Protein backbone atom coordinates (compact mmCIF):
# COMPACT_ATOMS: atom_id res chain seq x y z
CA MET A 1 12.84 44.12 -19.57
CA ALA A 2 9.27 45.17 -18.67
CA GLU A 3 8.20 45.38 -15.05
CA ALA A 4 5.64 42.64 -15.66
CA ASP A 5 8.40 40.32 -16.90
CA HIS A 6 10.44 41.06 -13.78
CA ARG A 7 7.48 40.12 -11.60
CA ILE A 8 6.87 36.88 -13.53
CA LEU A 9 10.54 35.89 -13.20
CA ALA A 10 10.49 36.75 -9.50
CA ARG A 11 7.44 34.52 -8.96
CA TRP A 12 9.06 31.61 -10.81
CA GLY A 13 12.24 32.15 -8.83
CA ASP A 14 10.34 32.10 -5.52
CA PHE A 15 8.50 28.93 -6.56
CA PHE A 16 11.67 27.06 -7.51
CA GLY A 17 13.87 28.58 -4.79
CA ALA A 18 16.07 30.22 -7.47
CA LYS A 19 17.43 33.72 -7.94
CA ARG A 20 16.58 35.50 -11.20
CA GLU A 21 20.06 35.07 -12.68
CA GLU A 22 19.88 31.32 -11.95
CA LEU A 23 16.66 30.69 -13.89
CA VAL A 24 18.29 30.34 -17.34
CA PRO A 25 20.94 27.76 -16.33
CA LEU A 26 18.31 26.04 -14.17
CA ALA A 27 16.04 25.71 -17.23
CA TRP A 28 18.85 24.26 -19.38
CA ALA A 29 19.88 21.84 -16.61
CA PHE A 30 16.22 20.79 -16.25
CA ALA A 31 15.96 20.21 -20.02
CA TYR A 32 19.30 18.35 -20.10
CA PHE A 33 18.25 15.90 -17.39
CA PHE A 34 14.80 15.58 -18.98
CA CYS A 35 16.31 14.41 -22.29
CA LEU A 36 18.84 12.16 -20.57
CA LEU A 37 16.36 10.24 -18.42
CA CYS A 38 13.70 10.19 -21.12
CA GLY A 39 16.21 8.46 -23.39
CA TYR A 40 17.10 6.01 -20.64
CA SER A 41 13.51 5.37 -19.52
CA ILE A 42 12.52 4.42 -23.06
CA LEU A 43 14.98 1.53 -22.69
CA ARG A 44 14.53 0.57 -19.02
CA PRO A 45 11.44 -1.67 -19.57
CA VAL A 46 13.38 -3.34 -22.40
CA ARG A 47 16.26 -4.08 -20.02
CA ASP A 48 13.91 -5.66 -17.47
CA GLU A 49 12.44 -7.85 -20.20
CA MET A 50 15.94 -8.71 -21.45
CA ALA A 51 16.82 -9.89 -17.92
CA ILE A 52 14.09 -12.52 -18.29
CA GLU A 53 14.91 -13.37 -21.92
CA GLY A 54 18.58 -13.75 -21.03
CA GLY A 55 17.63 -16.27 -18.33
CA LEU A 56 17.04 -15.46 -14.65
CA THR A 57 19.69 -18.01 -13.66
CA ASN A 58 22.19 -15.93 -15.64
CA LEU A 59 21.31 -12.70 -13.78
CA PRO A 60 24.25 -12.93 -11.31
CA TRP A 61 26.61 -13.43 -14.28
CA MET A 62 25.13 -10.44 -16.10
CA MET A 63 25.55 -8.26 -13.00
CA THR A 64 29.13 -9.48 -12.63
CA GLY A 65 29.72 -8.61 -16.28
CA THR A 66 28.36 -5.14 -15.56
CA PHE A 67 30.73 -4.73 -12.63
CA LEU A 68 33.77 -5.86 -14.64
CA THR A 69 32.81 -3.50 -17.46
CA MET A 70 32.64 -0.66 -14.93
CA LEU A 71 36.09 -1.57 -13.61
CA ALA A 72 37.45 -1.30 -17.16
CA ALA A 73 35.54 1.92 -17.93
CA THR A 74 36.59 3.82 -14.79
CA PRO A 75 40.32 4.15 -15.62
CA LEU A 76 39.44 4.93 -19.25
CA PHE A 77 37.21 7.79 -18.08
CA GLY A 78 40.01 8.95 -15.76
CA TRP A 79 42.46 8.91 -18.68
CA LEU A 80 40.07 10.94 -20.88
CA SER A 81 39.26 13.49 -18.15
CA ALA A 82 42.98 14.07 -17.60
CA ARG A 83 43.48 14.97 -21.28
CA CYS A 84 40.21 16.49 -22.52
CA SER A 85 38.45 19.69 -21.63
CA ARG A 86 35.08 19.25 -19.95
CA TYR A 87 33.20 19.92 -23.19
CA ARG A 88 35.28 17.49 -25.26
CA LEU A 89 35.01 14.86 -22.51
CA PHE A 90 31.21 15.02 -22.51
CA LEU A 91 31.09 15.09 -26.31
CA THR A 92 33.21 11.91 -26.48
CA VAL A 93 31.07 10.09 -23.90
CA TYR A 94 27.75 10.90 -25.59
CA ILE A 95 28.91 10.14 -29.14
CA PHE A 96 30.21 6.78 -27.89
CA PHE A 97 26.86 5.82 -26.39
CA ILE A 98 24.88 7.09 -29.40
CA THR A 99 27.04 4.85 -31.62
CA ASN A 100 26.35 1.91 -29.29
CA LEU A 101 22.59 2.42 -29.62
CA LEU A 102 22.83 2.38 -33.40
CA ALA A 103 24.83 -0.87 -33.18
CA PHE A 104 22.17 -2.48 -30.96
CA TYR A 105 19.50 -1.44 -33.46
CA VAL A 106 21.39 -3.31 -36.20
CA LEU A 107 21.92 -6.40 -33.99
CA MET A 108 18.27 -6.57 -32.90
CA THR A 109 16.89 -6.19 -36.41
CA SER A 110 19.25 -8.88 -37.73
CA HIS A 111 17.94 -11.41 -35.11
CA LEU A 112 21.42 -12.90 -34.62
CA SER A 113 21.86 -14.77 -31.29
CA PRO A 114 18.94 -12.99 -29.54
CA GLU A 115 19.80 -14.46 -26.12
CA TRP A 116 23.36 -13.11 -26.25
CA VAL A 117 22.15 -9.76 -27.57
CA ALA A 118 19.67 -9.64 -24.63
CA ARG A 119 22.47 -10.33 -22.14
CA GLY A 120 24.76 -7.81 -23.78
CA PHE A 121 22.04 -5.16 -23.79
CA PHE A 122 21.31 -5.75 -20.09
CA VAL A 123 24.97 -5.19 -19.22
CA TRP A 124 25.31 -2.22 -21.56
CA LEU A 125 22.24 -0.37 -20.27
CA SER A 126 23.29 -0.98 -16.66
CA VAL A 127 26.63 0.66 -17.47
CA PHE A 128 25.06 3.42 -19.57
CA ASN A 129 22.56 4.40 -16.87
CA LEU A 130 25.07 4.89 -14.08
CA PHE A 131 27.76 6.36 -16.28
CA VAL A 132 25.81 9.14 -18.00
CA VAL A 133 23.89 10.06 -14.84
CA SER A 134 27.13 10.20 -12.85
CA VAL A 135 28.73 12.44 -15.49
CA PHE A 136 25.65 14.67 -15.52
CA TRP A 137 25.74 15.22 -11.75
CA SER A 138 29.50 15.79 -11.81
CA PHE A 139 28.78 18.58 -14.28
CA MET A 140 26.08 20.02 -11.99
CA ASP A 141 28.40 19.82 -8.96
CA ASP A 142 30.99 21.71 -11.00
CA LEU A 143 28.58 24.41 -12.20
CA PHE A 144 26.74 25.19 -8.97
CA THR A 145 27.96 26.08 -5.47
CA PRO A 146 26.98 24.01 -2.37
CA GLU A 147 24.42 26.67 -1.42
CA GLN A 148 22.93 26.65 -4.93
CA GLY A 149 22.92 22.85 -4.96
CA ALA A 150 20.82 22.67 -1.79
CA ARG A 151 18.25 24.99 -3.39
CA LEU A 152 18.29 23.86 -7.03
CA PHE A 153 19.20 20.17 -7.24
CA GLY A 154 15.68 19.05 -6.33
CA VAL A 155 14.27 21.08 -9.24
CA ILE A 156 16.95 19.77 -11.62
CA ALA A 157 16.18 16.23 -10.49
CA ALA A 158 12.52 16.93 -11.33
CA GLY A 159 13.65 17.49 -14.92
CA GLY A 160 14.97 13.94 -14.96
CA SER A 161 11.75 12.62 -13.45
CA SER A 162 9.73 14.50 -16.08
CA GLY A 163 11.74 12.72 -18.76
CA ALA A 164 11.42 9.41 -16.93
CA LEU A 165 7.66 10.00 -16.85
CA ILE A 166 7.43 10.47 -20.62
CA GLY A 167 9.86 7.64 -21.49
CA PRO A 168 7.65 4.68 -20.44
CA LEU A 169 4.68 6.23 -22.26
CA LEU A 170 6.76 6.43 -25.43
CA THR A 171 7.85 2.82 -24.91
CA THR A 172 4.28 1.61 -24.51
CA GLY A 173 3.06 3.57 -27.53
CA LEU A 174 5.95 2.69 -29.83
CA THR A 175 5.83 -1.06 -29.06
CA PHE A 176 2.23 -1.18 -30.34
CA VAL A 177 3.42 0.10 -33.74
CA PHE A 178 7.13 -0.73 -34.11
CA PRO A 179 9.43 -3.57 -33.05
CA VAL A 180 11.47 -3.13 -29.87
CA ALA A 181 14.63 -2.33 -31.88
CA VAL A 182 13.19 1.07 -32.91
CA LEU A 183 13.42 2.16 -29.26
CA MET A 184 17.20 2.29 -29.73
CA LEU A 185 16.80 5.04 -32.33
CA ALA A 186 14.36 7.01 -30.16
CA SER A 187 16.78 6.92 -27.22
CA ALA A 188 19.69 8.01 -29.44
CA ALA A 189 17.69 11.05 -30.58
CA PHE A 190 17.27 12.21 -26.97
CA LEU A 191 21.03 11.85 -26.36
CA VAL A 192 21.63 14.18 -29.31
CA LEU A 193 19.36 16.74 -27.61
CA CYS A 194 21.43 16.33 -24.43
CA LEU A 195 24.47 17.56 -26.33
CA GLY A 196 22.65 20.78 -27.23
CA CYS A 197 21.66 21.46 -23.60
CA MET A 198 25.16 20.68 -22.39
CA SER A 199 26.61 23.13 -24.92
CA ARG A 200 24.36 25.94 -23.65
CA LEU A 201 25.31 25.26 -20.02
CA GLU A 202 28.99 25.23 -20.91
CA ARG A 203 28.55 28.60 -22.63
CA TRP A 204 26.80 30.00 -19.53
CA ALA A 205 29.63 28.77 -17.32
CA ARG A 206 32.21 30.51 -19.50
CA GLU A 207 30.22 33.75 -19.58
CA ARG A 208 30.27 33.99 -15.79
CA SER A 209 33.99 33.11 -15.63
CA GLU A 210 34.84 36.53 -14.19
CA HIS A 211 33.23 35.33 -10.93
CA HIS A 212 34.73 31.83 -10.99
CA PRO A 213 38.12 30.20 -11.66
CA PRO A 214 38.97 30.55 -15.38
CA HIS A 215 40.26 26.97 -15.55
CA LEU A 216 36.86 25.52 -14.61
CA GLY A 217 36.39 23.57 -17.86
CA ASP A 218 40.04 22.59 -18.38
CA PRO A 219 41.35 19.00 -18.24
CA LEU A 220 41.74 17.66 -14.69
CA ARG A 221 45.23 16.21 -15.24
CA GLY A 222 46.48 13.57 -12.82
CA SER A 223 46.63 9.77 -12.97
CA PHE A 224 43.99 7.66 -14.74
CA LEU A 225 43.55 5.77 -11.44
CA ALA A 226 43.21 8.95 -9.38
CA GLY A 227 39.52 8.24 -8.75
CA VAL A 228 40.36 5.01 -6.92
CA ARG A 229 43.17 6.64 -4.90
CA LEU A 230 41.09 9.68 -3.97
CA THR A 231 38.15 7.53 -2.87
CA PHE A 232 40.08 5.22 -0.58
CA SER A 233 42.18 8.00 0.95
CA SER A 234 39.16 10.05 2.08
CA PRO A 235 37.02 8.97 5.07
CA TYR A 236 34.26 11.27 3.77
CA LEU A 237 34.16 9.58 0.35
CA LEU A 238 34.39 6.14 1.99
CA GLY A 239 31.32 7.08 4.02
CA ILE A 240 29.48 7.89 0.79
CA CYS A 241 30.63 4.51 -0.56
CA GLY A 242 29.17 2.78 2.51
CA TYR A 243 25.84 4.58 2.07
CA LEU A 244 25.73 3.63 -1.61
CA VAL A 245 26.68 -0.04 -1.02
CA ILE A 246 23.79 -0.50 1.42
CA LEU A 247 21.47 1.19 -1.07
CA THR A 248 22.53 -1.07 -3.95
CA THR A 249 22.48 -4.20 -1.76
CA THR A 250 18.86 -3.68 -0.78
CA ALA A 251 17.82 -2.51 -4.27
CA THR A 252 19.37 -5.60 -5.92
CA PHE A 253 17.53 -7.93 -3.53
CA LEU A 254 14.23 -6.22 -4.38
CA TYR A 255 14.99 -6.34 -8.13
CA PHE A 256 15.82 -10.06 -8.03
CA GLU A 257 12.67 -11.07 -6.19
CA GLN A 258 10.34 -8.79 -8.12
CA THR A 259 11.69 -9.99 -11.48
CA ARG A 260 11.30 -13.62 -10.38
CA LEU A 261 7.67 -13.08 -9.35
CA VAL A 262 6.83 -11.23 -12.59
CA ALA A 263 8.26 -14.12 -14.62
CA GLU A 264 6.06 -16.53 -12.65
CA TYR A 265 2.88 -14.48 -13.07
CA LEU A 266 3.26 -13.44 -16.75
CA ASP A 267 4.54 -15.58 -19.64
CA GLN A 268 4.30 -13.07 -22.55
CA PRO A 269 7.29 -10.72 -23.19
CA GLU A 270 5.02 -7.86 -24.31
CA ALA A 271 2.87 -8.16 -21.18
CA ARG A 272 5.92 -8.13 -18.92
CA THR A 273 7.39 -5.12 -20.75
CA ARG A 274 4.11 -3.22 -20.32
CA LEU A 275 3.92 -4.12 -16.62
CA PHE A 276 7.46 -2.81 -16.07
CA SER A 277 6.56 0.26 -18.10
CA GLY A 278 3.43 0.87 -16.01
CA VAL A 279 5.34 0.56 -12.75
CA ASP A 280 7.93 2.99 -14.09
CA PHE A 281 5.20 5.47 -15.03
CA VAL A 282 3.61 5.44 -11.55
CA THR A 283 7.03 5.72 -9.91
CA ASN A 284 8.08 8.61 -12.09
CA MET A 285 4.80 10.49 -11.64
CA LEU A 286 5.11 10.32 -7.84
CA THR A 287 8.81 11.22 -8.06
CA TRP A 288 8.11 14.21 -10.28
CA MET A 289 5.47 15.58 -7.92
CA THR A 290 7.72 15.07 -4.89
CA GLN A 291 10.75 16.72 -6.50
CA LEU A 292 8.82 19.70 -7.76
CA PHE A 293 6.78 20.47 -4.65
CA ILE A 294 8.47 18.79 -1.67
CA THR A 295 12.20 18.05 -2.06
CA ASN A 296 13.74 21.53 -1.85
CA ARG A 297 11.28 22.55 0.88
CA VAL A 298 12.15 19.49 3.01
CA ILE A 299 15.90 20.01 2.62
CA ARG A 300 15.68 23.76 3.29
CA ARG A 301 13.48 23.19 6.35
CA PHE A 302 15.04 20.09 7.93
CA GLY A 303 18.49 19.99 6.35
CA LEU A 304 20.33 17.47 4.20
CA VAL A 305 19.96 14.71 6.79
CA ALA A 306 16.20 14.48 6.11
CA GLY A 307 16.77 13.55 2.47
CA LEU A 308 19.45 11.02 3.38
CA LEU A 309 17.37 9.41 6.15
CA PHE A 310 14.20 8.82 4.14
CA LEU A 311 15.34 5.59 2.44
CA PRO A 312 16.58 3.85 5.62
CA ALA A 313 13.32 4.77 7.37
CA ILE A 314 10.99 3.52 4.62
CA SER A 315 13.13 0.40 4.11
CA VAL A 316 12.66 -0.76 7.71
CA VAL A 317 8.90 -0.85 7.12
CA GLY A 318 9.29 -2.36 3.65
CA PHE A 319 11.50 -5.29 4.65
CA LEU A 320 9.28 -6.08 7.63
CA SER A 321 6.34 -6.21 5.22
CA ILE A 322 8.20 -8.55 2.84
CA ALA A 323 9.20 -10.82 5.73
CA LEU A 324 5.53 -11.15 6.70
CA TRP A 325 3.77 -10.96 3.28
CA PRO A 326 6.19 -11.78 0.37
CA THR A 327 3.67 -11.18 -2.44
CA LEU A 328 4.15 -9.41 -5.79
CA ALA A 329 1.85 -6.56 -4.70
CA VAL A 330 3.99 -5.87 -1.63
CA TYR A 331 7.17 -5.97 -3.72
CA VAL A 332 5.78 -3.56 -6.31
CA ALA A 333 4.46 -1.12 -3.67
CA PHE A 334 7.72 -1.15 -1.72
CA SER A 335 9.79 -0.84 -4.90
CA VAL A 336 7.77 2.18 -6.04
CA LEU A 337 8.12 3.94 -2.65
CA ARG A 338 11.86 3.18 -2.53
CA ARG A 339 12.50 4.50 -6.01
CA VAL A 340 10.48 7.65 -5.30
CA GLY A 341 12.54 8.21 -2.15
CA GLU A 342 15.77 7.50 -4.02
CA TYR A 343 15.18 9.82 -6.97
CA ALA A 344 13.26 12.57 -5.15
CA LEU A 345 15.16 12.83 -1.84
CA SER A 346 18.20 10.58 -1.47
CA LYS A 347 19.79 11.20 -4.89
CA PRO A 348 19.62 15.04 -4.81
CA SER A 349 20.89 14.96 -1.21
CA ARG A 350 23.80 12.68 -2.13
CA GLU A 351 24.75 14.99 -4.98
CA VAL A 352 24.92 17.94 -2.58
CA LEU A 353 27.49 15.92 -0.60
CA PHE A 354 29.86 16.20 -3.59
CA THR A 355 29.62 19.99 -3.89
CA VAL A 356 32.17 20.44 -1.07
CA VAL A 357 34.94 18.25 -2.55
CA SER A 358 37.65 19.16 -5.08
CA ARG A 359 37.06 19.22 -8.86
CA GLU A 360 39.14 16.07 -9.33
CA GLU A 361 37.06 14.29 -6.70
CA LYS A 362 33.83 15.54 -8.31
CA TYR A 363 34.70 13.86 -11.60
CA LYS A 364 37.15 11.02 -11.00
CA ALA A 365 36.28 9.83 -7.48
CA LYS A 366 32.56 10.42 -7.99
CA ASN A 367 32.57 8.48 -11.25
CA PHE A 368 34.35 5.57 -9.56
CA ILE A 369 31.87 5.59 -6.66
CA ASP A 370 28.76 5.94 -8.82
CA THR A 371 29.80 3.24 -11.27
CA ALA A 372 32.31 0.63 -10.02
CA ILE A 373 31.32 0.77 -6.34
CA SER A 374 27.61 0.75 -7.18
CA ARG A 375 27.78 -2.14 -9.65
CA GLY A 376 30.19 -3.99 -7.36
CA GLY A 377 27.43 -3.90 -4.74
CA ASP A 378 24.95 -5.23 -7.32
CA ALA A 379 27.19 -8.14 -8.37
CA SER A 380 28.19 -9.19 -4.85
CA THR A 381 24.56 -9.05 -3.68
CA ALA A 382 23.42 -11.15 -6.65
CA TRP A 383 25.90 -13.91 -5.79
CA LEU A 384 25.17 -13.61 -2.05
CA ILE A 385 21.43 -14.08 -2.60
CA THR A 386 22.08 -17.05 -4.91
CA GLY A 387 24.42 -18.58 -2.33
CA VAL A 388 22.23 -18.23 0.76
CA LYS A 389 19.21 -19.52 -1.13
CA ALA A 390 21.24 -22.57 -2.18
CA PHE A 391 21.70 -23.27 1.55
CA GLY A 392 17.94 -23.10 2.14
CA ALA A 393 17.36 -19.47 3.10
CA THR A 394 13.99 -18.04 2.08
CA THR A 395 13.04 -14.56 0.96
CA ALA A 396 11.57 -13.91 4.42
CA HIS A 397 14.86 -14.90 6.10
CA ILE A 398 16.83 -12.45 3.94
CA ALA A 399 14.31 -9.65 4.59
CA TRP A 400 14.59 -10.16 8.38
CA ALA A 401 18.40 -10.06 8.11
CA LEU A 402 18.27 -6.72 6.25
CA VAL A 403 16.20 -4.93 8.93
CA PRO A 404 19.11 -4.24 11.37
CA LEU A 405 21.28 -3.10 8.45
CA MET A 406 18.81 -0.26 7.90
CA PHE A 407 19.79 1.26 11.27
CA VAL A 408 23.47 1.23 10.22
CA TRP A 409 22.37 2.97 7.03
CA ALA A 410 20.54 5.65 9.04
CA TRP A 411 23.63 6.24 11.21
CA LEU A 412 25.76 6.73 8.07
CA ALA A 413 23.25 9.26 6.74
CA HIS A 414 23.52 11.30 9.94
CA VAL A 415 27.35 11.20 9.92
CA LEU A 416 27.62 12.26 6.27
CA ALA A 417 25.21 15.19 6.66
CA ARG A 418 27.11 16.45 9.71
CA ARG A 419 30.50 16.07 8.00
CA LYS A 420 29.31 17.95 4.90
CA GLU A 421 28.29 20.93 7.04
CA GLN A 422 31.70 20.89 8.73
CA MET A 423 33.48 20.88 5.35
């Protein structure tokens, strides 16, 4: 390789915090997450519109359906991971979801029971989002060391944000020309591209096997319920569960209220879809810039605790603002800042927490935490909000009640960061 090429690679490595030999897998991981979140982001505005079409009063039931689906999917994933190699496991998961998208395309174009299709799609996409993202990060935790994760996960996350930035633009453009059902085909095409990126990363992992355990991609063995057992037998993983439950509780409250206000302000489905798409675009642009230029520098300078503490800190200010001024503008601004903090700082930091656990915990326990625990928090919060409002509580009352919970959240962030360093 020419000296000039060496210098170019060195500059890119310095910019991204990567060593030269890490640039190729980093590029494939970036592309993989780009395709994955682009495919999802094409559909996210559709899901938000489907939540309204399916009936806002049915939202708690749809979230409960999502949680129950996760409970059924978790042991199935555990059973597959115990019997399939890593490559075959991922291949099975992605082919399954691609087939689902094709089925939704047929259902939407046939116009049979649109309300039930809307509810089914809401549940499906909620499962799809958490499941494929969880599997992706399990793969990253398996490929990279804890030290590499601290340096590279922010850049990899930027790949996802780049895809999430393009997805809403594709949604907006395509809906001016094609019916919403065509978005299913566009998303499926990006999942096919994910398979190609995953294959290249798997090949890279096998090529460096002389420096790592040769069984890295083998089946995990063990019980199909091992994820549940491993989670509840580990104080460290239970701490991660606690952090995630508070995150989902507050996020679900924001989602409920924002969706309700959007339905009150706008009565056209296309207008609501474009509003959701616009909010997603702004969020993803800010997230992309933060991940690319700030995340790895913040974590390298201040440690993992800085990334974990950002959401509790910004949420104290946000819920105080909602308690005083519960308007749509405040909800949108707070939601954007929260999602930027989640995707740019909290999510990469949480993934680094999993780099110090065993392979079985990285796949089985992590999948259970990211899916069943997360959607369990969504469902329970949905019913809790419905219940307290039935007794006369207002949005401001709920926001005031959430403020002290943010300090518990901050304490958990500090404990988890310290425990990770000890491990």
